[in-house]
Amino acid sequence: MDITPVDACARAMLALGAMLKPRQPIHHVYNTNT
């Protein structure tokens, strides 16, 4: 399982959202250090 700290998830979403033209618009945002 993943344990995804909420603030880390928010930072990841901001980083992904900053990309102007995403090649892939769907993202699985979770701590990959499962």
Full PDB file with SEQRES, HELIX, SHEET, SSBOND, CRYST1, ORIGX, SCALE, CONECT and MASTER records, all heavy atoms in Angstrom:
SEQRES   1 A   34  MET ASP ILE THR PRO VAL ASP ALA CYS ALA ARG ALA MET          
SEQRES   2 A   34  LEU ALA LEU GLY ALA MET LEU LYS PRO ARG GLN PRO ILE          
SEQRES   3 A   34  HIS HIS VAL TYR ASN THR ASN THR                              
HELIX    1 AA1 VAL A    6  GLY A   17  1                                  12    
CRYST1    1.000    1.000    1.000  90.00  90.00  90.00 P 1           1          
ORIGX1      1.000000  0.000000  0.000000        0.00000                         
ORIGX2      0.000000  1.000000  0.000000        0.00000                         
ORIGX3      0.000000  0.000000  1.000000        0.00000                         
SCALE1      1.000000  0.000000  0.000000        0.00000                         
SCALE2      0.000000  1.000000  0.000000        0.00000                         
SCALE3      0.000000  0.000000  1.000000        0.00000                         
ATOM      1  N   MET A   1       0.836  -1.200   0.000  1.00  0.00           N  
ATOM      2  CA  MET A   1       0.000   0.000   0.000  1.00  0.00           C  
ATOM      3  C   MET A   1       0.867   1.246   0.000  1.00  0.00           C  
ATOM      4  O   MET A   1       2.050   1.179   0.298  1.00  0.00           O  
ATOM      5  CB  MET A   1      -0.956  -0.009   1.192  1.00  0.00           C  
ATOM      6  CG  MET A   1      -0.286  -0.103   2.537  1.00  0.00           C  
ATOM      7  SD  MET A   1      -1.460  -0.365   3.879  1.00  0.00           S  
ATOM      8  CE  MET A   1      -1.900  -2.075   3.641  1.00  0.00           C  
ATOM      9  N   ASP A   2       0.237   2.346  -0.361  1.00  0.00           N  
ATOM     10  CA  ASP A   2       0.944   3.627  -0.310  1.00  0.00           C  
ATOM     11  C   ASP A   2       0.482   4.381   0.922  1.00  0.00           C  
ATOM     12  O   ASP A   2      -0.647   4.240   1.368  1.00  0.00           O  
ATOM     13  CB  ASP A   2       0.667   4.448  -1.574  1.00  0.00           C  
ATOM     14  CG  ASP A   2      -0.767   4.938  -1.644  1.00  0.00           C  
ATOM     15  OD1 ASP A   2      -1.638   4.180  -2.104  1.00  0.00           O  
ATOM     16  OD2 ASP A   2      -1.018   6.097  -1.248  1.00  0.00           O  
ATOM     17  N   ILE A   3       1.392   5.149   1.470  1.00  0.00           N  
ATOM     18  CA  ILE A   3       1.069   6.101   2.536  1.00  0.00           C  
ATOM     19  C   ILE A   3       1.469   7.450   1.970  1.00  0.00           C  
ATOM     20  O   ILE A   3       2.651   7.737   1.794  1.00  0.00           O  
ATOM     21  CB  ILE A   3       1.832   5.769   3.832  1.00  0.00           C  
ATOM     22  CG1 ILE A   3       1.391   4.396   4.355  1.00  0.00           C  
ATOM     23  CG2 ILE A   3       1.617   6.858   4.875  1.00  0.00           C  
ATOM     24  CD1 ILE A   3       2.130   3.945   5.602  1.00  0.00           C  
ATOM     25  N   THR A   4       0.470   8.255   1.634  1.00  0.00           N  
ATOM     26  CA  THR A   4       0.707   9.505   0.914  1.00  0.00           C  
ATOM     27  C   THR A   4       0.413  10.710   1.805  1.00  0.00           C  
ATOM     28  O   THR A   4      -0.755  11.070   1.982  1.00  0.00           O  
ATOM     29  CB  THR A   4      -0.167   9.552  -0.360  1.00  0.00           C  
ATOM     30  OG1 THR A   4       0.113   8.395  -1.160  1.00  0.00           O  
ATOM     31  CG2 THR A   4       0.094  10.800  -1.168  1.00  0.00           C  
ATOM     32  N   PRO A   5       1.446  11.322   2.383  1.00  0.00           N  
ATOM     33  CA  PRO A   5       1.221  12.527   3.183  1.00  0.00           C  
ATOM     34  C   PRO A   5       0.506  13.591   2.352  1.00  0.00           C  
ATOM     35  O   PRO A   5       0.876  13.856   1.206  1.00  0.00           O  
ATOM     36  CB  PRO A   5       2.633  12.970   3.572  1.00  0.00           C  
ATOM     37  CG  PRO A   5       3.441  11.704   3.538  1.00  0.00           C  
ATOM     38  CD  PRO A   5       2.870  10.931   2.379  1.00  0.00           C  
ATOM     39  N   VAL A   6      -0.530  14.175   2.938  1.00  0.00           N  
ATOM     40  CA  VAL A   6      -1.397  15.083   2.189  1.00  0.00           C  
ATOM     41  C   VAL A   6      -0.641  16.292   1.637  1.00  0.00           C  
ATOM     42  O   VAL A   6      -0.928  16.740   0.516  1.00  0.00           O  
ATOM     43  CB  VAL A   6      -2.616  15.508   3.055  1.00  0.00           C  
ATOM     44  CG1 VAL A   6      -2.182  16.315   4.276  1.00  0.00           C  
ATOM     45  CG2 VAL A   6      -3.653  16.228   2.236  1.00  0.00           C  
ATOM     46  N   ASP A   7       0.349  16.814   2.376  1.00  0.00           N  
ATOM     47  CA  ASP A   7       1.079  17.977   1.869  1.00  0.00           C  
ATOM     48  C   ASP A   7       2.001  17.601   0.706  1.00  0.00           C  
ATOM     49  O   ASP A   7       2.176  18.376  -0.239  1.00  0.00           O  
ATOM     50  CB  ASP A   7       1.850  18.687   2.982  1.00  0.00           C  
ATOM     51  CG  ASP A   7       2.782  17.772   3.756  1.00  0.00           C  
ATOM     52  OD1 ASP A   7       2.584  16.539   3.758  1.00  0.00           O  
ATOM     53  OD2 ASP A   7       3.722  18.298   4.398  1.00  0.00           O  
ATOM     54  N   ALA A   8       2.563  16.385   0.753  1.00  0.00           N  
ATOM     55  CA  ALA A   8       3.393  15.915  -0.373  1.00  0.00           C  
ATOM     56  C   ALA A   8       2.522  15.730  -1.613  1.00  0.00           C  
ATOM     57  O   ALA A   8       2.922  16.073  -2.731  1.00  0.00           O  
ATOM     58  CB  ALA A   8       4.106  14.620  -0.008  1.00  0.00           C  
ATOM     59  N   CYS A   9       1.317  15.208  -1.403  1.00  0.00           N  
ATOM     60  CA  CYS A   9       0.384  15.024  -2.523  1.00  0.00           C  
ATOM     61  C   CYS A   9       0.034  16.372  -3.150  1.00  0.00           C  
ATOM     62  O   CYS A   9       0.019  16.509  -4.371  1.00  0.00           O  
ATOM     63  CB  CYS A   9      -0.886  14.324  -2.023  1.00  0.00           C  
ATOM     64  SG  CYS A   9      -2.068  13.956  -3.325  1.00  0.00           S  
ATOM     65  N   ALA A  10      -0.205  17.384  -2.316  1.00  0.00           N  
ATOM     66  CA  ALA A  10      -0.532  18.723  -2.824  1.00  0.00           C  
ATOM     67  C   ALA A  10       0.628  19.292  -3.639  1.00  0.00           C  
ATOM     68  O   ALA A  10       0.411  19.867  -4.713  1.00  0.00           O  
ATOM     69  CB  ALA A  10      -0.882  19.650  -1.659  1.00  0.00           C  
ATOM     70  N   ARG A  11       1.872  19.112  -3.139  1.00  0.00           N  
ATOM     71  CA  ARG A  11       3.042  19.614  -3.887  1.00  0.00           C  
ATOM     72  C   ARG A  11       3.181  18.891  -5.229  1.00  0.00           C  
ATOM     73  O   ARG A  11       3.517  19.517  -6.239  1.00  0.00           O  
ATOM     74  CB  ARG A  11       4.319  19.441  -3.058  1.00  0.00           C  
ATOM     75  CG  ARG A  11       4.460  20.468  -1.944  1.00  0.00           C  
ATOM     76  CD  ARG A  11       5.873  20.520  -1.376  1.00  0.00           C  
ATOM     77  NE  ARG A  11       6.352  19.230  -0.906  1.00  0.00           N  
ATOM     78  CZ  ARG A  11       6.104  18.738   0.309  1.00  0.00           C  
ATOM     79  NH1 ARG A  11       5.364  19.412   1.169  1.00  0.00           N  
ATOM     80  NH2 ARG A  11       6.573  17.554   0.661  1.00  0.00           N  
ATOM     81  N   ALA A  12       2.916  17.591  -5.242  1.00  0.00           N  
ATOM     82  CA  ALA A  12       2.990  16.824  -6.498  1.00  0.00           C  
ATOM     83  C   ALA A  12       1.952  17.324  -7.493  1.00  0.00           C  
ATOM     84  O   ALA A  12       2.244  17.496  -8.680  1.00  0.00           O  
ATOM     85  CB  ALA A  12       2.792  15.337  -6.213  1.00  0.00           C  
ATOM     86  N   MET A  13       0.739  17.580  -7.007  1.00  0.00           N  
ATOM     87  CA  MET A  13      -0.319  18.068  -7.892  1.00  0.00           C  
ATOM     88  C   MET A  13       0.016  19.453  -8.457  1.00  0.00           C  
ATOM     89  O   MET A  13      -0.237  19.718  -9.638  1.00  0.00           O  
ATOM     90  CB  MET A  13      -1.653  18.087  -7.141  1.00  0.00           C  
ATOM     91  CG  MET A  13      -2.187  16.681  -6.871  1.00  0.00           C  
ATOM     92  SD  MET A  13      -3.532  16.600  -5.671  1.00  0.00           S  
ATOM     93  CE  MET A  13      -4.821  17.461  -6.530  1.00  0.00           C  
ATOM     94  N   LEU A  14       0.612  20.303  -7.632  1.00  0.00           N  
ATOM     95  CA  LEU A  14       1.021  21.627  -8.118  1.00  0.00           C  
ATOM     96  C   LEU A  14       2.099  21.502  -9.197  1.00  0.00           C  
ATOM     97  O   LEU A  14       2.064  22.208 -10.206  1.00  0.00           O  
ATOM     98  CB  LEU A  14       1.535  22.483  -6.959  1.00  0.00           C  
ATOM     99  CG  LEU A  14       0.464  23.047  -6.024  1.00  0.00           C  
ATOM    100  CD1 LEU A  14       1.100  23.690  -4.803  1.00  0.00           C  
ATOM    101  CD2 LEU A  14      -0.435  24.046  -6.758  1.00  0.00           C  
ATOM    102  N   ALA A  15       3.036  20.584  -8.976  1.00  0.00           N  
ATOM    103  CA  ALA A  15       4.106  20.372  -9.964  1.00  0.00           C  
ATOM    104  C   ALA A  15       3.526  19.868 -11.278  1.00  0.00           C  
ATOM    105  O   ALA A  15       3.912  20.331 -12.362  1.00  0.00           O  
ATOM    106  CB  ALA A  15       5.139  19.385  -9.416  1.00  0.00           C  
ATOM    107  N   LEU A  16       2.586  18.949 -11.209  1.00  0.00           N  
ATOM    108  CA  LEU A  16       1.971  18.401 -12.423  1.00  0.00           C  
ATOM    109  C   LEU A  16       1.086  19.445 -13.108  1.00  0.00           C  
ATOM    110  O   LEU A  16       1.025  19.517 -14.327  1.00  0.00           O  
ATOM    111  CB  LEU A  16       1.152  17.152 -12.081  1.00  0.00           C  
ATOM    112  CG  LEU A  16       1.956  15.944 -11.612  1.00  0.00           C  
ATOM    113  CD1 LEU A  16       1.045  14.916 -10.947  1.00  0.00           C  
ATOM    114  CD2 LEU A  16       2.713  15.305 -12.766  1.00  0.00           C  
ATOM    115  N   GLY A  17       0.410  20.252 -12.300  1.00  0.00           N  
ATOM    116  CA  GLY A  17      -0.480  21.274 -12.850  1.00  0.00           C  
ATOM    117  C   GLY A  17       0.260  22.406 -13.535  1.00  0.00           C  
ATOM    118  O   GLY A  17      -0.301  23.111 -14.372  1.00  0.00           O  
ATOM    119  N   ALA A  18       1.543  22.571 -13.168  1.00  0.00           N  
ATOM    120  CA  ALA A  18       2.338  23.657 -13.758  1.00  0.00           C  
ATOM    121  C   ALA A  18       2.719  23.377 -15.205  1.00  0.00           C  
ATOM    122  O   ALA A  18       3.124  24.293 -15.929  1.00  0.00           O  
ATOM    123  CB  ALA A  18       3.597  23.884 -12.923  1.00  0.00           C  
ATOM    124  N   MET A  19       2.607  22.130 -15.640  1.00  0.00           N  
ATOM    125  CA  MET A  19       2.953  21.798 -17.023  1.00  0.00           C  
ATOM    126  C   MET A  19       1.869  22.348 -17.953  1.00  0.00           C  
ATOM    127  O   MET A  19       0.694  22.063 -17.775  1.00  0.00           O  
ATOM    128  CB  MET A  19       3.067  20.286 -17.183  1.00  0.00           C  
ATOM    129  CG  MET A  19       4.169  19.691 -16.338  1.00  0.00           C  
ATOM    130  SD  MET A  19       4.092  17.897 -16.372  1.00  0.00           S  
ATOM    131  CE  MET A  19       5.173  17.520 -15.002  1.00  0.00           C  
ATOM    132  N   LEU A  20       2.283  23.119 -18.931  1.00  0.00           N  
ATOM    133  CA  LEU A  20       1.312  23.813 -19.777  1.00  0.00           C  
ATOM    134  C   LEU A  20       0.495  22.859 -20.627  1.00  0.00           C  
ATOM    135  O   LEU A  20      -0.714  22.926 -20.650  1.00  0.00           O  
ATOM    136  CB  LEU A  20       2.035  24.841 -20.653  1.00  0.00           C  
ATOM    137  CG  LEU A  20       2.673  26.005 -19.893  1.00  0.00           C  
ATOM    138  CD1 LEU A  20       3.464  26.880 -20.848  1.00  0.00           C  
ATOM    139  CD2 LEU A  20       1.601  26.820 -19.177  1.00  0.00           C  
ATOM    140  N   LYS A  21       1.162  21.975 -21.348  1.00  0.00           N  
ATOM    141  CA  LYS A  21       0.438  21.054 -22.231  1.00  0.00           C  
ATOM    142  C   LYS A  21       0.793  19.626 -21.827  1.00  0.00           C  
ATOM    143  O   LYS A  21       1.810  19.096 -22.265  1.00  0.00           O  
ATOM    144  CB  LYS A  21       0.836  21.301 -23.691  1.00  0.00           C  
ATOM    145  CG  LYS A  21       0.412  22.649 -24.208  1.00  0.00           C  
ATOM    146  CD  LYS A  21      -0.926  22.566 -24.880  1.00  0.00           C  
ATOM    147  CE  LYS A  21      -1.275  23.904 -25.512  1.00  0.00           C  
ATOM    148  NZ  LYS A  21      -2.567  23.888 -26.143  1.00  0.00           N  
ATOM    149  N   PRO A  22      -0.007  19.010 -20.990  1.00  0.00           N  
ATOM    150  CA  PRO A  22       0.325  17.651 -20.542  1.00  0.00           C  
ATOM    151  C   PRO A  22       0.202  16.633 -21.669  1.00  0.00           C  
ATOM    152  O   PRO A  22      -0.739  16.676 -22.457  1.00  0.00           O  
ATOM    153  CB  PRO A  22      -0.711  17.378 -19.453  1.00  0.00           C  
ATOM    154  CG  PRO A  22      -1.878  18.222 -19.824  1.00  0.00           C  
ATOM    155  CD  PRO A  22      -1.311  19.450 -20.474  1.00  0.00           C  
ATOM    156  N   ARG A  23       1.191  15.749 -21.746  1.00  0.00           N  
ATOM    157  CA  ARG A  23       1.095  14.661 -22.712  1.00  0.00           C  
ATOM    158  C   ARG A  23       0.028  13.669 -22.239  1.00  0.00           C  
ATOM    159  O   ARG A  23      -0.649  13.049 -23.028  1.00  0.00           O  
ATOM    160  CB  ARG A  23       2.469  13.977 -22.833  1.00  0.00           C  
ATOM    161  CG  ARG A  23       2.682  13.283 -24.166  1.00  0.00           C  
ATOM    162  CD  ARG A  23       4.065  12.684 -24.290  1.00  0.00           C  
ATOM    163  NE  ARG A  23       4.177  11.453 -23.545  1.00  0.00           N  
ATOM    164  CZ  ARG A  23       4.973  11.262 -22.487  1.00  0.00           C  
ATOM    165  NH1 ARG A  23       5.737  12.236 -22.061  1.00  0.00           N  
ATOM    166  NH2 ARG A  23       5.021  10.109 -21.870  1.00  0.00           N  
ATOM    167  N   GLN A  24      -0.072  13.545 -20.945  1.00  0.00           N  
ATOM    168  CA  GLN A  24      -1.029  12.625 -20.334  1.00  0.00           C  
ATOM    169  C   GLN A  24      -1.823  13.403 -19.286  1.00  0.00           C  
ATOM    170  O   GLN A  24      -1.265  13.809 -18.273  1.00  0.00           O  
ATOM    171  CB  GLN A  24      -0.264  11.457 -19.691  1.00  0.00           C  
ATOM    172  CG  GLN A  24      -1.101  10.512 -18.862  1.00  0.00           C  
ATOM    173  CD  GLN A  24      -2.245   9.902 -19.630  1.00  0.00           C  
ATOM    174  OE1 GLN A  24      -3.346  10.437 -19.591  1.00  0.00           O  
ATOM    175  NE2 GLN A  24      -2.016   8.819 -20.316  1.00  0.00           N  
ATOM    176  N   PRO A  25      -3.118  13.634 -19.516  1.00  0.00           N  
ATOM    177  CA  PRO A  25      -3.889  14.464 -18.579  1.00  0.00           C  
ATOM    178  C   PRO A  25      -4.329  13.739 -17.299  1.00  0.00           C  
ATOM    179  O   PRO A  25      -4.785  14.374 -16.371  1.00  0.00           O  
ATOM    180  CB  PRO A  25      -5.105  14.894 -19.403  1.00  0.00           C  
ATOM    181  CG  PRO A  25      -5.289  13.779 -20.379  1.00  0.00           C  
ATOM    182  CD  PRO A  25      -3.914  13.258 -20.687  1.00  0.00           C  
ATOM    183  N   ILE A  26      -4.211  12.406 -17.276  1.00  0.00           N  
ATOM    184  CA  ILE A  26      -4.644  11.647 -16.091  1.00  0.00           C  
ATOM    185  C   ILE A  26      -3.412  11.218 -15.307  1.00  0.00           C  
ATOM    186  O   ILE A  26      -2.472  10.649 -15.858  1.00  0.00           O  
ATOM    187  CB  ILE A  26      -5.473  10.407 -16.496  1.00  0.00           C  
ATOM    188  CG1 ILE A  26      -6.727  10.843 -17.270  1.00  0.00           C  
ATOM    189  CG2 ILE A  26      -5.853   9.596 -15.269  1.00  0.00           C  
ATOM    190  CD1 ILE A  26      -7.534   9.697 -17.838  1.00  0.00           C  
ATOM    191  N   HIS A  27      -3.432  11.496 -14.005  1.00  0.00           N  
ATOM    192  CA  HIS A  27      -2.291  11.172 -13.154  1.00  0.00           C  
ATOM    193  C   HIS A  27      -2.728  10.394 -11.918  1.00  0.00           C  
ATOM    194  O   HIS A  27      -3.696  10.766 -11.262  1.00  0.00           O  
ATOM    195  CB  HIS A  27      -1.586  12.458 -12.693  1.00  0.00           C  
ATOM    196  CG  HIS A  27      -1.123  13.317 -13.815  1.00  0.00           C  
ATOM    197  ND1 HIS A  27       0.008  13.028 -14.555  1.00  0.00           N  
ATOM    198  CD2 HIS A  27      -1.635  14.457 -14.343  1.00  0.00           C  
ATOM    199  CE1 HIS A  27       0.166  13.951 -15.480  1.00  0.00           C  
ATOM    200  NE2 HIS A  27      -0.812  14.820 -15.372  1.00  0.00           N  
ATOM    201  N   HIS A  28      -2.012   9.322 -11.626  1.00  0.00           N  
ATOM    202  CA  HIS A  28      -2.163   8.625 -10.353  1.00  0.00           C  
ATOM    203  C   HIS A  28      -1.148   9.248  -9.409  1.00  0.00           C  
ATOM    204  O   HIS A  28       0.058   9.053  -9.574  1.00  0.00           O  
ATOM    205  CB  HIS A  28      -1.914   7.121 -10.517  1.00  0.00           C  
ATOM    206  CG  HIS A  28      -3.034   6.425 -11.213  1.00  0.00           C  
ATOM    207  ND1 HIS A  28      -2.828   5.582 -12.265  1.00  0.00           N  
ATOM    208  CD2 HIS A  28      -4.374   6.471 -11.016  1.00  0.00           C  
ATOM    209  CE1 HIS A  28      -3.999   5.115 -12.693  1.00  0.00           C  
ATOM    210  NE2 HIS A  28      -4.948   5.644 -11.946  1.00  0.00           N  
ATOM    211  N   VAL A  29      -1.636  10.018  -8.452  1.00  0.00           N  
ATOM    212  CA  VAL A  29      -0.765  10.775  -7.562  1.00  0.00           C  
ATOM    213  C   VAL A  29      -0.743  10.095  -6.196  1.00  0.00           C  
ATOM    214  O   VAL A  29      -1.635  10.288  -5.379  1.00  0.00           O  
ATOM    215  CB  VAL A  29      -1.237  12.242  -7.433  1.00  0.00           C  
ATOM    216  CG1 VAL A  29      -0.224  13.063  -6.645  1.00  0.00           C  
ATOM    217  CG2 VAL A  29      -1.460  12.855  -8.814  1.00  0.00           C  
ATOM    218  N   TYR A  30       0.274   9.276  -5.993  1.00  0.00           N  
ATOM    219  CA  TYR A  30       0.435   8.603  -4.698  1.00  0.00           C  
ATOM    220  C   TYR A  30       1.915   8.367  -4.443  1.00  0.00           C  
ATOM    221  O   TYR A  30       2.723   8.367  -5.364  1.00  0.00           O  
ATOM    222  CB  TYR A  30      -0.344   7.291  -4.647  1.00  0.00           C  
ATOM    223  CG  TYR A  30       0.113   6.224  -5.613  1.00  0.00           C  
ATOM    224  CD1 TYR A  30       1.149   5.352  -5.282  1.00  0.00           C  
ATOM    225  CD2 TYR A  30      -0.490   6.072  -6.858  1.00  0.00           C  
ATOM    226  CE1 TYR A  30       1.573   4.373  -6.175  1.00  0.00           C  
ATOM    227  CE2 TYR A  30      -0.083   5.096  -7.747  1.00  0.00           C  
ATOM    228  CZ  TYR A  30       0.945   4.248  -7.399  1.00  0.00           C  
ATOM    229  OH  TYR A  30       1.363   3.276  -8.281  1.00  0.00           O  
ATOM    230  N   ASN A  31       2.243   8.170  -3.175  1.00  0.00           N  
ATOM    231  CA  ASN A  31       3.627   7.934  -2.777  1.00  0.00           C  
ATOM    232  C   ASN A  31       4.090   6.611  -3.367  1.00  0.00           C  
ATOM    233  O   ASN A  31       3.615   5.542  -2.970  1.00  0.00           O  
ATOM    234  CB  ASN A  31       3.730   7.921  -1.248  1.00  0.00           C  
ATOM    235  CG  ASN A  31       5.165   7.863  -0.766  1.00  0.00           C  
ATOM    236  OD1 ASN A  31       6.091   7.608  -1.521  1.00  0.00           O  
ATOM    237  ND2 ASN A  31       5.343   8.092   0.521  1.00  0.00           N  
ATOM    238  N   THR A  32       4.997   6.676  -4.316  1.00  0.00           N  
ATOM    239  CA  THR A  32       5.462   5.451  -4.983  1.00  0.00           C  
ATOM    240  C   THR A  32       6.481   4.685  -4.145  1.00  0.00           C  
ATOM    241  O   THR A  32       6.920   3.605  -4.548  1.00  0.00           O  
ATOM    242  CB  THR A  32       6.054   5.780  -6.369  1.00  0.00           C  
ATOM    243  OG1 THR A  32       7.031   6.815  -6.226  1.00  0.00           O  
ATOM    244  CG2 THR A  32       4.957   6.225  -7.330  1.00  0.00           C  
ATOM    245  N   ASN A  33       6.844   5.221  -2.974  1.00  0.00           N  
ATOM    246  CA  ASN A  33       7.647   4.449  -2.019  1.00  0.00           C  
ATOM    247  C   ASN A  33       6.679   3.568  -1.224  1.00  0.00           C  
ATOM    248  O   ASN A  33       6.426   3.792  -0.042  1.00  0.00           O  
ATOM    249  CB  ASN A  33       8.417   5.385  -1.069  1.00  0.00           C  
ATOM    250  CG  ASN A  33       9.416   6.233  -1.803  1.00  0.00           C  
ATOM    251  OD1 ASN A  33      10.156   5.758  -2.659  1.00  0.00           O  
ATOM    252  ND2 ASN A  33       9.446   7.522  -1.493  1.00  0.00           N  
ATOM    253  N   THR A  34       6.091   2.601  -1.926  1.00  0.00           N  
ATOM    254  CA  THR A  34       5.070   1.769  -1.299  1.00  0.00           C  
ATOM    255  C   THR A  34       5.680   0.858  -0.236  1.00  0.00           C  
ATOM    256  O   THR A  34       6.890   0.614  -0.232  1.00  0.00           O  
ATOM    257  CB  THR A  34       4.330   0.923  -2.354  1.00  0.00           C  
ATOM    258  OG1 THR A  34       5.284   0.151  -3.087  1.00  0.00           O  
ATOM    259  CG2 THR A  34       3.533   1.797  -3.310  1.00  0.00           C  
TER     260      THR A  34                                                      
MASTER        0    0    0    1    0    0    0    6  259    1    0    3          
END                                                                             
